[in-house]
C-alpha atoms as a PDB file:
ATOM      1  CA  MET A   1      85.074   4.490 123.259  1.00  0.00           C
ATOM      2  CA  SER A   2      88.497   3.266 124.264  1.00  0.00           C
ATOM      3  CA  LEU A   3      90.676   3.883 127.284  1.00  0.00           C
ATOM      4  CA  VAL A   4      94.121   3.301 128.797  1.00  0.00           C
ATOM      5  CA  GLY A   5      95.647   4.437 132.062  1.00  0.00           C
ATOM      6  CA  SER A   6      96.174   3.290 135.625  1.00  0.00           C
ATOM      7  CA  LEU A   7      94.032   2.409 138.629  1.00  0.00           C
ATOM      8  CA  GLU A   8      94.741   2.304 142.374  1.00  0.00           C
ATOM      9  CA  ASN A   9      92.248  -0.555 142.717  1.00  0.00           C
ATOM     10  CA  ALA A  10      89.794  -2.494 140.570  1.00  0.00           C
ATOM     11  CA  VAL A  11      86.160  -3.579 140.815  1.00  0.00           C
ATOM     12  CA  LEU A  12      84.984  -5.907 138.018  1.00  0.00           C
ATOM     13  CA  ARG A  13      81.968  -8.090 137.273  1.00  0.00           C
ATOM     14  CA  MET A  14      83.176 -11.434 136.048  1.00  0.00           C
ATOM     15  CA  SER A  15      82.166 -13.168 132.833  1.00  0.00           C
ATOM     16  CA  GLY A  16      79.173 -15.466 132.922  1.00  0.00           C
ATOM     17  CA  SER A  17      77.456 -13.852 135.862  1.00  0.00           C
ATOM     18  CA  GLY A  18      73.816 -13.068 135.210  1.00  0.00           C
ATOM     19  CA  PRO A  19      71.574 -10.333 136.604  1.00  0.00           C
ATOM     20  CA  THR A  20      70.681 -12.293 139.748  1.00  0.00           C
ATOM     21  CA  ASP A  21      74.023 -13.998 140.438  1.00  0.00           C
ATOM     22  CA  GLN A  22      76.574 -11.336 139.642  1.00  0.00           C
ATOM     23  CA  ILE A  23      80.107 -12.209 140.638  1.00  0.00           C
ATOM     24  CA  VAL A  24      81.850  -8.942 141.482  1.00  0.00           C
ATOM     25  CA  LYS A  25      85.504  -9.050 142.521  1.00  0.00           C
ATOM     26  CA  LYS A  26      87.580  -6.312 144.136  1.00  0.00           C
ATOM     27  CA  TRP A  27      91.347  -5.875 144.149  1.00  0.00           C
ATOM     28  CA  GLU A  28      93.150  -3.377 146.385  1.00  0.00           C
ATOM     29  CA  GLU A  29      96.319  -3.055 144.306  1.00  0.00           C
ATOM     30  CA  PRO A  30      97.516  -0.917 141.390  1.00  0.00           C
ATOM     31  CA  PHE A  31      96.794  -1.887 137.785  1.00  0.00           C
ATOM     32  CA  GLU A  32      97.568  -0.603 134.317  1.00  0.00           C
ATOM     33  CA  ILE A  33      94.551  -0.434 131.995  1.00  0.00           C
ATOM     34  CA  VAL A  34      96.019  -2.170 128.950  1.00  0.00           C
ATOM     35  CA  SER A  35      92.760  -1.944 127.019  1.00  0.00           C
ATOM     36  CA  GLY A  36      89.232  -0.765 127.505  1.00  0.00           C
ATOM     37  CA  THR A  37      86.270  -0.514 125.218  1.00  0.00           C
ATOM     38  CA  GLY A  38      82.560   0.031 125.462  1.00  0.00           C
ATOM     39  CA  THR A  39      79.626   2.315 124.929  1.00  0.00           C
ATOM     40  CA  VAL A  40      78.506   5.481 126.671  1.00  0.00           C
ATOM     41  CA  SER A  41      74.979   6.833 126.415  1.00  0.00           C
ATOM     42  CA  ARG A  42      72.545   8.974 128.361  1.00  0.00           C
ATOM     43  CA  GLU A  43      71.280   5.726 129.882  1.00  0.00           C
ATOM     44  CA  GLY A  44      74.662   4.693 131.235  1.00  0.00           C
ATOM     45  CA  CYS A  45      77.939   3.013 130.358  1.00  0.00           C
ATOM     46  CA  HIS A  46      78.926  -0.519 129.383  1.00  0.00           C
ATOM     47  CA  ILE A  47      82.691  -0.806 129.580  1.00  0.00           C
ATOM     48  CA  HIS A  48      84.979  -3.848 129.592  1.00  0.00           C
ATOM     49  CA  VAL A  49      88.637  -3.599 130.590  1.00  0.00           C
ATOM     50  CA  SER A  50      91.817  -5.651 130.614  1.00  0.00           C
ATOM     51  CA  LEU A  51      94.089  -4.811 133.527  1.00  0.00           C
ATOM     52  CA  SER A  52      97.742  -5.714 134.042  1.00  0.00           C
ATOM     53  CA  GLY A  53      99.124  -6.262 137.535  1.00  0.00           C
ATOM     54  CA  SER A  54     102.671  -5.531 138.725  1.00  0.00           C
ATOM     55  CA  ASP A  55     103.735  -9.091 137.797  1.00  0.00           C
ATOM     56  CA  GLY A  56     102.364  -8.750 134.259  1.00  0.00           C
ATOM     57  CA  SER A  57      99.355 -10.988 134.827  1.00  0.00           C
ATOM     58  CA  VAL A  58      96.143  -9.800 133.175  1.00  0.00           C
ATOM     59  CA  ILE A  59      92.576  -9.830 134.472  1.00  0.00           C
ATOM     60  CA  GLY A  60      89.483  -8.506 132.795  1.00  0.00           C
ATOM     61  CA  GLY A  61      85.777  -7.978 133.096  1.00  0.00           C
ATOM     62  CA  HIS A  62      82.927  -5.497 133.195  1.00  0.00           C
ATOM     63  CA  LEU A  63      84.035  -2.224 134.827  1.00  0.00           C
ATOM     64  CA  LYS A  64      82.031  -1.458 137.980  1.00  0.00           C
ATOM     65  CA  ASP A  65      81.734   1.571 140.264  1.00  0.00           C
ATOM     66  CA  GLY A  66      84.454   1.850 142.887  1.00  0.00           C
ATOM     67  CA  CYS A  67      87.592   1.902 140.738  1.00  0.00           C
ATOM     68  CA  LYS A  68      89.923   4.762 141.652  1.00  0.00           C
ATOM     69  CA  VAL A  69      92.187   6.369 139.052  1.00  0.00           C
ATOM     70  CA  ASP A  70      95.882   6.344 139.969  1.00  0.00           C
ATOM     71  CA  THR A  71      97.860   8.771 137.786  1.00  0.00           C
ATOM     72  CA  THR A  72      95.611   9.140 134.742  1.00  0.00           C
ATOM     73  CA  VAL A  73      93.034   7.518 132.489  1.00  0.00           C
ATOM     74  CA  GLU A  74      92.873   8.604 128.861  1.00  0.00           C
ATOM     75  CA  VAL A  75      89.422   8.173 127.324  1.00  0.00           C
ATOM     76  CA  VAL A  76      88.718   8.489 123.598  1.00  0.00           C
ATOM     77  CA  VAL A  77      85.049   8.931 122.739  1.00  0.00           C
ATOM     78  CA  GLY A  78      83.605   8.770 119.231  1.00  0.00           C
ATOM     79  CA  ILE A  79      80.347  10.658 118.722  1.00  0.00           C
ATOM     80  CA  PHE A  80      77.866   9.663 116.050  1.00  0.00           C
ATOM     81  CA  GLU A  81      75.346  12.408 115.334  1.00  0.00           C
ATOM     82  CA  ASP A  82      72.965  10.125 113.372  1.00  0.00           C
ATOM     83  CA  ILE A  83      72.991   7.118 115.745  1.00  0.00           C
ATOM     84  CA  SER A  84      71.613   6.676 119.231  1.00  0.00           C
ATOM     85  CA  TYR A  85      72.416   3.960 121.747  1.00  0.00           C
ATOM     86  CA  GLU A  86      69.597   2.796 123.969  1.00  0.00           C
ATOM     87  CA  ARG A  87      69.365   0.073 126.604  1.00  0.00           C
ATOM     88  CA  VAL A  88      66.268  -2.134 126.355  1.00  0.00           C
ATOM     89  CA  PHE A  89      65.449  -4.883 128.845  1.00  0.00           C
ATOM     90  CA  ASP A  90      65.878  -8.364 127.350  1.00  0.00           C
ATOM     91  CA  ASN A  91      63.848 -11.139 128.992  1.00  0.00           C
ATOM     92  CA  ALA A  92      66.253 -13.800 127.696  1.00  0.00           C
ATOM     93  CA  THR A  93      69.364 -12.335 129.362  1.00  0.00           C
ATOM     94  CA  GLY A  94      67.822 -10.382 132.223  1.00  0.00           C
ATOM     95  CA  PHE A  95      69.948  -7.347 131.323  1.00  0.00           C
ATOM     96  CA  LYS A  96      69.265  -4.107 129.500  1.00  0.00           C
ATOM     97  CA  GLU A  97      70.879  -4.823 126.119  1.00  0.00           C
ATOM     98  CA  LEU A  98      72.199  -2.338 123.590  1.00  0.00           C
ATOM     99  CA  GLU A  99      69.962  -1.211 120.740  1.00  0.00           C
ATOM    100  CA  VAL A 100      71.495   0.938 118.028  1.00  0.00           C
ATOM    101  CA  LYS A 101      69.023   3.219 116.261  1.00  0.00           C
END
C-alpha cells in the first residue's frame, strides 16, 4: 500500500525502539504525508510514513494510532489473491514479523 495526504497531528514510533522500550513521539501540528508504505492484513497494519512540516523539515517512523487526518489521505491498496500476509511472533525481535505465504 502507499499513501499521501495531510494530518492535523502525528503519532510515530521511532526507529530502534524494541517491544519493551518503544519510543513514541507526538506532534500537535499539521503535516503533509510525503510518502507512506506498508502492509495491511486481517491481523493489522504495519505502515511507515515520512511527514513534512510547515518549514519543510521531514520526520518519519512507524505510524501509530492517534493521528488525525486534516483535509484528506489518499490510500492505494494492492490486493494479491494468491498471497496472504500473516504476523508471527519472532523471539529474536520481540515483535510479530511479516510472513508472506
